[in-house]
All heavy atoms as atom14 arrays in JSON, in Angstrom:
{
  "sequence": "ELECEPAGGSHPVARQACDRLAQLPGEGADPFTPVPRD",
  "atom14_mask": [
    [1, 1, 1, 1, 1, 1, 1, 1, 1, 0, 0, 0, 0, 0],
    [1, 1, 1, 1, 1, 1, 1, 1, 0, 0, 0, 0, 0, 0],
    [1, 1, 1, 1, 1, 1, 1, 1, 1, 0, 0, 0, 0, 0],
    [1, 1, 1, 1, 1, 1, 0, 0, 0, 0, 0, 0, 0, 0],
    [1, 1, 1, 1, 1, 1, 1, 1, 1, 0, 0, 0, 0, 0],
    [1, 1, 1, 1, 1, 1, 1, 0, 0, 0, 0, 0, 0, 0],
    [1, 1, 1, 1, 1, 0, 0, 0, 0, 0, 0, 0, 0, 0],
    [1, 1, 1, 1, 0, 0, 0, 0, 0, 0, 0, 0, 0, 0],
    [1, 1, 1, 1, 0, 0, 0, 0, 0, 0, 0, 0, 0, 0],
    [1, 1, 1, 1, 1, 1, 0, 0, 0, 0, 0, 0, 0, 0],
    [1, 1, 1, 1, 1, 1, 1, 1, 1, 1, 0, 0, 0, 0],
    [1, 1, 1, 1, 1, 1, 1, 0, 0, 0, 0, 0, 0, 0],
    [1, 1, 1, 1, 1, 1, 1, 0, 0, 0, 0, 0, 0, 0],
    [1, 1, 1, 1, 1, 0, 0, 0, 0, 0, 0, 0, 0, 0],
    [1, 1, 1, 1, 1, 1, 1, 1, 1, 1, 1, 0, 0, 0],
    [1, 1, 1, 1, 1, 1, 1, 1, 1, 0, 0, 0, 0, 0],
    [1, 1, 1, 1, 1, 0, 0, 0, 0, 0, 0, 0, 0, 0],
    [1, 1, 1, 1, 1, 1, 0, 0, 0, 0, 0, 0, 0, 0],
    [1, 1, 1, 1, 1, 1, 1, 1, 0, 0, 0, 0, 0, 0],
    [1, 1, 1, 1, 1, 1, 1, 1, 1, 1, 1, 0, 0, 0],
    [1, 1, 1, 1, 1, 1, 1, 1, 0, 0, 0, 0, 0, 0],
    [1, 1, 1, 1, 1, 0, 0, 0, 0, 0, 0, 0, 0, 0],
    [1, 1, 1, 1, 1, 1, 1, 1, 1, 0, 0, 0, 0, 0],
    [1, 1, 1, 1, 1, 1, 1, 1, 0, 0, 0, 0, 0, 0],
    [1, 1, 1, 1, 1, 1, 1, 0, 0, 0, 0, 0, 0, 0],
    [1, 1, 1, 1, 0, 0, 0, 0, 0, 0, 0, 0, 0, 0],
    [1, 1, 1, 1, 1, 1, 1, 1, 1, 0, 0, 0, 0, 0],
    [1, 1, 1, 1, 0, 0, 0, 0, 0, 0, 0, 0, 0, 0],
    [1, 1, 1, 1, 1, 0, 0, 0, 0, 0, 0, 0, 0, 0],
    [1, 1, 1, 1, 1, 1, 1, 1, 0, 0, 0, 0, 0, 0],
    [1, 1, 1, 1, 1, 1, 1, 0, 0, 0, 0, 0, 0, 0],
    [1, 1, 1, 1, 1, 1, 1, 1, 1, 1, 1, 0, 0, 0],
    [1, 1, 1, 1, 1, 1, 1, 0, 0, 0, 0, 0, 0, 0],
    [1, 1, 1, 1, 1, 1, 1, 0, 0, 0, 0, 0, 0, 0],
    [1, 1, 1, 1, 1, 1, 1, 0, 0, 0, 0, 0, 0, 0],
    [1, 1, 1, 1, 1, 1, 1, 0, 0, 0, 0, 0, 0, 0],
    [1, 1, 1, 1, 1, 1, 1, 1, 1, 1, 1, 0, 0, 0],
    [1, 1, 1, 1, 1, 1, 1, 1, 0, 0, 0, 0, 0, 0]
  ],
  "atom14_positions": [
    [[149.45, 124.46, 31.67], [150.02, 124.09, 32.96], [151.34, 124.83, 33.12], [152.12, 124.91, 32.17], [150.26, 122.58, 33.04], [149.0, 121.75, 32.9], [148.02, 121.95, 34.04], [148.47, 122.04, 35.21], [146.82, 122.02, 33.76], [0.0, 0.0, 0.0], [0.0, 0.0, 0.0], [0.0, 0.0, 0.0], [0.0, 0.0, 0.0], [0.0, 0.0, 0.0]],
    [[151.58, 125.35, 34.31], [152.83, 126.06, 34.59], [153.43, 125.51, 35.86], [152.79, 125.51, 36.92], [152.57, 127.56, 34.74], [153.78, 128.42, 35.12], [154.85, 128.36, 34.02], [153.35, 129.86, 35.38], [0.0, 0.0, 0.0], [0.0, 0.0, 0.0], [0.0, 0.0, 0.0], [0.0, 0.0, 0.0], [0.0, 0.0, 0.0], [0.0, 0.0, 0.0]],
    [[154.63, 125.0, 35.76], [155.41, 124.53, 36.92], [156.62, 125.45, 37.05], [157.23, 125.83, 36.05], [155.93, 123.11, 36.68], [154.87, 122.06, 36.54], [154.44, 121.48, 37.87], [155.12, 121.73, 38.88], [153.42, 120.79, 37.87], [0.0, 0.0, 0.0], [0.0, 0.0, 0.0], [0.0, 0.0, 0.0], [0.0, 0.0, 0.0], [0.0, 0.0, 0.0]],
    [[156.95, 125.79, 38.26], [158.16, 126.6, 38.5], [159.08, 125.85, 39.45], [158.63, 125.04, 40.26], [157.78, 127.96, 39.08], [156.81, 128.98, 37.95], [0.0, 0.0, 0.0], [0.0, 0.0, 0.0], [0.0, 0.0, 0.0], [0.0, 0.0, 0.0], [0.0, 0.0, 0.0], [0.0, 0.0, 0.0], [0.0, 0.0, 0.0], [0.0, 0.0, 0.0]],
    [[160.36, 126.18, 39.34], [161.42, 125.61, 40.18], [161.53, 124.1, 40.0], [161.31, 123.37, 40.95], [161.18, 125.99, 41.65], [161.14, 127.47, 41.86], [160.52, 127.83, 43.2], [160.56, 127.02, 44.13], [159.99, 128.93, 43.31], [0.0, 0.0, 0.0], [0.0, 0.0, 0.0], [0.0, 0.0, 0.0], [0.0, 0.0, 0.0], [0.0, 0.0, 0.0]],
    [[161.84, 123.6, 38.83], [162.23, 124.3, 37.61], [161.02, 124.63, 36.74], [159.95, 124.05, 36.88], [163.11, 123.29, 36.9], [162.56, 121.96, 37.3], [162.08, 122.15, 38.72], [0.0, 0.0, 0.0], [0.0, 0.0, 0.0], [0.0, 0.0, 0.0], [0.0, 0.0, 0.0], [0.0, 0.0, 0.0], [0.0, 0.0, 0.0], [0.0, 0.0, 0.0]],
    [[161.23, 125.59, 35.83], [160.16, 126.02, 34.94], [159.83, 124.92, 33.95], [160.71, 124.26, 33.41], [160.58, 127.28, 34.19], [0.0, 0.0, 0.0], [0.0, 0.0, 0.0], [0.0, 0.0, 0.0], [0.0, 0.0, 0.0], [0.0, 0.0, 0.0], [0.0, 0.0, 0.0], [0.0, 0.0, 0.0], [0.0, 0.0, 0.0], [0.0, 0.0, 0.0]],
    [[158.52, 124.73, 33.74], [158.1, 123.72, 32.78], [156.59, 123.71, 32.66], [155.9, 124.61, 33.12], [0.0, 0.0, 0.0], [0.0, 0.0, 0.0], [0.0, 0.0, 0.0], [0.0, 0.0, 0.0], [0.0, 0.0, 0.0], [0.0, 0.0, 0.0], [0.0, 0.0, 0.0], [0.0, 0.0, 0.0], [0.0, 0.0, 0.0], [0.0, 0.0, 0.0]],
    [[156.09, 122.67, 32.04], [154.66, 122.54, 31.79], [154.36, 122.92, 30.35], [155.26, 123.12, 29.54], [0.0, 0.0, 0.0], [0.0, 0.0, 0.0], [0.0, 0.0, 0.0], [0.0, 0.0, 0.0], [0.0, 0.0, 0.0], [0.0, 0.0, 0.0], [0.0, 0.0, 0.0], [0.0, 0.0, 0.0], [0.0, 0.0, 0.0], [0.0, 0.0, 0.0]],
    [[153.07, 123.05, 30.05], [152.66, 123.36, 28.68], [152.52, 124.85, 28.42], [152.14, 125.25, 27.32], [151.33, 122.65, 28.38], [150.32, 123.1, 29.27], [0.0, 0.0, 0.0], [0.0, 0.0, 0.0], [0.0, 0.0, 0.0], [0.0, 0.0, 0.0], [0.0, 0.0, 0.0], [0.0, 0.0, 0.0], [0.0, 0.0, 0.0], [0.0, 0.0, 0.0]],
    [[152.81, 125.69, 29.4], [152.72, 127.15, 29.22], [153.71, 127.56, 28.13], [154.88, 127.14, 28.16], [153.03, 127.87, 30.52], [152.65, 129.3, 30.53], [153.38, 130.26, 29.87], [151.59, 129.94, 31.1], [152.8, 131.43, 30.05], [151.71, 131.27, 30.78], [0.0, 0.0, 0.0], [0.0, 0.0, 0.0], [0.0, 0.0, 0.0], [0.0, 0.0, 0.0]],
    [[153.29, 128.39, 27.17], [154.16, 128.72, 26.03], [155.45, 129.47, 26.4], [156.44, 129.37, 25.68], [153.28, 129.55, 25.1], [152.09, 129.94, 25.9], [151.97, 128.99, 27.03], [0.0, 0.0, 0.0], [0.0, 0.0, 0.0], [0.0, 0.0, 0.0], [0.0, 0.0, 0.0], [0.0, 0.0, 0.0], [0.0, 0.0, 0.0], [0.0, 0.0, 0.0]],
    [[155.44, 130.22, 27.47], [156.65, 130.94, 27.9], [156.86, 130.69, 29.4], [156.87, 131.62, 30.22], [156.58, 132.45, 27.56], [156.72, 132.7, 26.07], [155.31, 133.09, 28.1], [0.0, 0.0, 0.0], [0.0, 0.0, 0.0], [0.0, 0.0, 0.0], [0.0, 0.0, 0.0], [0.0, 0.0, 0.0], [0.0, 0.0, 0.0], [0.0, 0.0, 0.0]],
    [[157.04, 129.43, 29.74], [157.12, 129.01, 31.15], [158.23, 129.73, 31.91], [158.01, 130.2, 33.03], [157.29, 127.5, 31.24], [0.0, 0.0, 0.0], [0.0, 0.0, 0.0], [0.0, 0.0, 0.0], [0.0, 0.0, 0.0], [0.0, 0.0, 0.0], [0.0, 0.0, 0.0], [0.0, 0.0, 0.0], [0.0, 0.0, 0.0], [0.0, 0.0, 0.0]],
    [[159.41, 129.82, 31.34], [160.53, 130.45, 32.06], [160.22, 131.91, 32.38], [160.42, 132.37, 33.51], [161.8, 130.34, 31.21], [163.02, 131.1, 31.73], [163.77, 130.37, 32.86], [163.23, 130.75, 34.17], [163.16, 129.97, 35.24], [163.61, 128.76, 35.21], [162.67, 130.38, 36.37], [0.0, 0.0, 0.0], [0.0, 0.0, 0.0], [0.0, 0.0, 0.0]],
    [[159.72, 132.67, 31.41], [159.39, 134.08, 31.64], [158.24, 134.21, 32.65], [158.26, 135.11, 33.49], [159.01, 134.78, 30.33], [160.16, 134.9, 29.35], [160.19, 133.74, 28.35], [159.84, 132.61, 28.67], [160.64, 134.02, 27.15], [0.0, 0.0, 0.0], [0.0, 0.0, 0.0], [0.0, 0.0, 0.0], [0.0, 0.0, 0.0], [0.0, 0.0, 0.0]],
    [[157.26, 133.32, 32.57], [156.14, 133.36, 33.51], [156.62, 133.09, 34.94], [156.22, 133.79, 35.88], [155.07, 132.35, 33.1], [0.0, 0.0, 0.0], [0.0, 0.0, 0.0], [0.0, 0.0, 0.0], [0.0, 0.0, 0.0], [0.0, 0.0, 0.0], [0.0, 0.0, 0.0], [0.0, 0.0, 0.0], [0.0, 0.0, 0.0], [0.0, 0.0, 0.0]],
    [[157.48, 132.11, 35.11], [158.03, 131.81, 36.45], [158.88, 132.96, 36.96], [158.84, 133.29, 38.14], [158.82, 130.51, 36.41], [157.79, 129.05, 36.22], [0.0, 0.0, 0.0], [0.0, 0.0, 0.0], [0.0, 0.0, 0.0], [0.0, 0.0, 0.0], [0.0, 0.0, 0.0], [0.0, 0.0, 0.0], [0.0, 0.0, 0.0], [0.0, 0.0, 0.0]],
    [[159.66, 133.58, 36.06], [160.46, 134.74, 36.46], [159.56, 135.86, 36.97], [159.86, 136.5, 37.98], [161.32, 135.24, 35.3], [162.47, 134.3, 34.97], [162.77, 133.39, 35.76], [163.06, 134.48, 33.87], [0.0, 0.0, 0.0], [0.0, 0.0, 0.0], [0.0, 0.0, 0.0], [0.0, 0.0, 0.0], [0.0, 0.0, 0.0], [0.0, 0.0, 0.0]],
    [[158.45, 136.1, 36.29], [157.52, 137.15, 36.72], [156.91, 136.81, 38.08], [156.82, 137.67, 38.96], [156.41, 137.34, 35.67], [155.39, 138.39, 36.06], [156.04, 139.77, 36.17], [155.09, 140.74, 36.71], [155.4, 141.61, 37.66], [156.62, 141.68, 38.17], [154.5, 142.46, 38.1], [0.0, 0.0, 0.0], [0.0, 0.0, 0.0], [0.0, 0.0, 0.0]],
    [[156.5, 135.58, 38.27], [155.93, 135.17, 39.56], [156.95, 135.33, 40.68], [156.59, 135.67, 41.81], [155.43, 133.73, 39.49], [154.16, 133.52, 38.65], [153.91, 132.04, 38.44], [152.96, 134.19, 39.3], [0.0, 0.0, 0.0], [0.0, 0.0, 0.0], [0.0, 0.0, 0.0], [0.0, 0.0, 0.0], [0.0, 0.0, 0.0], [0.0, 0.0, 0.0]],
    [[158.22, 135.09, 40.39], [159.27, 135.23, 41.4], [159.5, 136.7, 41.77], [159.92, 136.99, 42.89], [160.57, 134.6, 40.89], [0.0, 0.0, 0.0], [0.0, 0.0, 0.0], [0.0, 0.0, 0.0], [0.0, 0.0, 0.0], [0.0, 0.0, 0.0], [0.0, 0.0, 0.0], [0.0, 0.0, 0.0], [0.0, 0.0, 0.0], [0.0, 0.0, 0.0]],
    [[159.22, 137.62, 40.86], [159.41, 139.06, 41.12], [158.33, 139.63, 42.04], [158.57, 140.59, 42.77], [159.37, 139.85, 39.82], [160.51, 139.63, 38.9], [160.27, 140.31, 37.55], [159.14, 140.67, 37.21], [161.33, 140.47, 36.77], [0.0, 0.0, 0.0], [0.0, 0.0, 0.0], [0.0, 0.0, 0.0], [0.0, 0.0, 0.0], [0.0, 0.0, 0.0]],
    [[157.14, 139.08, 41.99], [155.98, 139.7, 42.65], [156.12, 139.89, 44.15], [155.76, 140.95, 44.66], [154.71, 138.91, 42.31], [154.29, 139.03, 40.85], [153.24, 138.0, 40.5], [153.8, 140.43, 40.56], [0.0, 0.0, 0.0], [0.0, 0.0, 0.0], [0.0, 0.0, 0.0], [0.0, 0.0, 0.0], [0.0, 0.0, 0.0], [0.0, 0.0, 0.0]],
    [[156.63, 138.92, 44.92], [156.75, 139.16, 46.36], [157.66, 140.35, 46.69], [157.39, 141.1, 47.62], [157.34, 137.85, 46.91], [156.93, 136.83, 45.91], [156.97, 137.53, 44.59], [0.0, 0.0, 0.0], [0.0, 0.0, 0.0], [0.0, 0.0, 0.0], [0.0, 0.0, 0.0], [0.0, 0.0, 0.0], [0.0, 0.0, 0.0], [0.0, 0.0, 0.0]],
    [[158.71, 140.55, 45.92], [159.6, 141.69, 46.13], [158.94, 143.02, 45.84], [159.34, 144.06, 46.36], [0.0, 0.0, 0.0], [0.0, 0.0, 0.0], [0.0, 0.0, 0.0], [0.0, 0.0, 0.0], [0.0, 0.0, 0.0], [0.0, 0.0, 0.0], [0.0, 0.0, 0.0], [0.0, 0.0, 0.0], [0.0, 0.0, 0.0], [0.0, 0.0, 0.0]],
    [[157.9, 143.0, 45.02], [157.14, 144.21, 44.7], [156.02, 144.44, 45.7], [155.29, 145.43, 45.61], [156.55, 144.1, 43.29], [157.59, 144.03, 42.2], [156.98, 143.76, 40.83], [155.74, 143.74, 40.7], [157.76, 143.57, 39.89], [0.0, 0.0, 0.0], [0.0, 0.0, 0.0], [0.0, 0.0, 0.0], [0.0, 0.0, 0.0], [0.0, 0.0, 0.0]],
    [[155.85, 143.49, 46.63], [154.76, 143.6, 47.6], [153.4, 143.43, 46.94], [152.4, 143.93, 47.43], [0.0, 0.0, 0.0], [0.0, 0.0, 0.0], [0.0, 0.0, 0.0], [0.0, 0.0, 0.0], [0.0, 0.0, 0.0], [0.0, 0.0, 0.0], [0.0, 0.0, 0.0], [0.0, 0.0, 0.0], [0.0, 0.0, 0.0], [0.0, 0.0, 0.0]],
    [[153.38, 142.75, 45.82], [152.15, 142.61, 45.05], [151.6, 141.19, 45.17], [152.34, 140.23, 45.18], [152.42, 142.93, 43.58], [0.0, 0.0, 0.0], [0.0, 0.0, 0.0], [0.0, 0.0, 0.0], [0.0, 0.0, 0.0], [0.0, 0.0, 0.0], [0.0, 0.0, 0.0], [0.0, 0.0, 0.0], [0.0, 0.0, 0.0], [0.0, 0.0, 0.0]],
    [[150.29, 141.11, 45.27], [149.61, 139.82, 45.21], [148.63, 139.9, 44.06], [147.52, 140.41, 44.21], [148.88, 139.51, 46.52], [148.2, 138.16, 46.5], [148.14, 137.52, 45.42], [147.71, 137.73, 47.55], [0.0, 0.0, 0.0], [0.0, 0.0, 0.0], [0.0, 0.0, 0.0], [0.0, 0.0, 0.0], [0.0, 0.0, 0.0], [0.0, 0.0, 0.0]],
    [[149.01, 139.42, 42.9], [148.17, 139.57, 41.71], [146.9, 138.71, 41.76], [146.01, 138.89, 40.95], [149.08, 139.1, 40.59], [149.94, 138.08, 41.25], [150.2, 138.62, 42.63], [0.0, 0.0, 0.0], [0.0, 0.0, 0.0], [0.0, 0.0, 0.0], [0.0, 0.0, 0.0], [0.0, 0.0, 0.0], [0.0, 0.0, 0.0], [0.0, 0.0, 0.0]],
    [[146.83, 137.81, 42.71], [145.68, 136.9, 42.79], [144.56, 137.44, 43.67], [143.49, 136.87, 43.74], [146.14, 135.53, 43.26], [147.18, 134.94, 42.35], [148.5, 134.84, 42.74], [146.85, 134.51, 41.08], [149.47, 134.32, 41.89], [147.8, 133.99, 40.21], [149.11, 133.89, 40.62], [0.0, 0.0, 0.0], [0.0, 0.0, 0.0], [0.0, 0.0, 0.0]],
    [[144.8, 138.56, 44.34], [143.76, 139.18, 45.15], [142.82, 139.95, 44.24], [143.28, 140.73, 43.4], [144.4, 140.15, 46.17], [145.28, 139.41, 47.01], [143.34, 140.83, 47.01], [0.0, 0.0, 0.0], [0.0, 0.0, 0.0], [0.0, 0.0, 0.0], [0.0, 0.0, 0.0], [0.0, 0.0, 0.0], [0.0, 0.0, 0.0], [0.0, 0.0, 0.0]],
    [[141.52, 139.76, 44.39], [140.57, 140.48, 43.53], [140.61, 141.98, 43.79], [141.01, 142.44, 44.86], [139.21, 139.92, 43.91], [139.44, 138.8, 44.86], [140.86, 138.84, 45.31], [0.0, 0.0, 0.0], [0.0, 0.0, 0.0], [0.0, 0.0, 0.0], [0.0, 0.0, 0.0], [0.0, 0.0, 0.0], [0.0, 0.0, 0.0], [0.0, 0.0, 0.0]],
    [[140.15, 142.74, 42.81], [140.02, 144.19, 42.96], [138.92, 144.44, 44.0], [137.84, 143.84, 43.9], [139.66, 144.85, 41.61], [139.36, 146.33, 41.79], [140.78, 144.64, 40.6], [0.0, 0.0, 0.0], [0.0, 0.0, 0.0], [0.0, 0.0, 0.0], [0.0, 0.0, 0.0], [0.0, 0.0, 0.0], [0.0, 0.0, 0.0], [0.0, 0.0, 0.0]],
    [[139.15, 145.29, 44.99], [138.1, 145.56, 45.99], [136.85, 146.13, 45.32], [136.93, 146.88, 44.35], [138.74, 146.62, 46.9], [140.21, 146.47, 46.69], [140.39, 146.0, 45.28], [0.0, 0.0, 0.0], [0.0, 0.0, 0.0], [0.0, 0.0, 0.0], [0.0, 0.0, 0.0], [0.0, 0.0, 0.0], [0.0, 0.0, 0.0], [0.0, 0.0, 0.0]],
    [[135.7, 145.78, 45.85], [134.42, 146.23, 45.28], [134.29, 147.75, 45.27], [133.65, 148.32, 44.4], [133.26, 145.64, 46.05], [133.1, 144.16, 45.83], [131.78, 143.68, 46.45], [131.62, 142.26, 46.32], [131.04, 141.66, 45.29], [130.58, 142.38, 44.3], [130.93, 140.35, 45.25], [0.0, 0.0, 0.0], [0.0, 0.0, 0.0], [0.0, 0.0, 0.0]],
    [[134.9, 148.42, 46.25], [134.77, 149.88, 46.32], [135.91, 150.63, 45.63], [136.06, 151.83, 45.78], [134.65, 150.32, 47.78], [135.87, 149.97, 48.61], [136.74, 149.2, 48.13], [135.97, 150.45, 49.76], [0.0, 0.0, 0.0], [0.0, 0.0, 0.0], [0.0, 0.0, 0.0], [0.0, 0.0, 0.0], [0.0, 0.0, 0.0], [0.0, 0.0, 0.0]]
  ]
}
């Protein structure tokens, strides 16, 4: 489990994981979108 703002849950590196998720919008990246079939 990963909770952010504040970081917590059972994730082994919750703080680093939340920091990475916070960076993604600034990169214009959506890591949850599947790879296009083509």
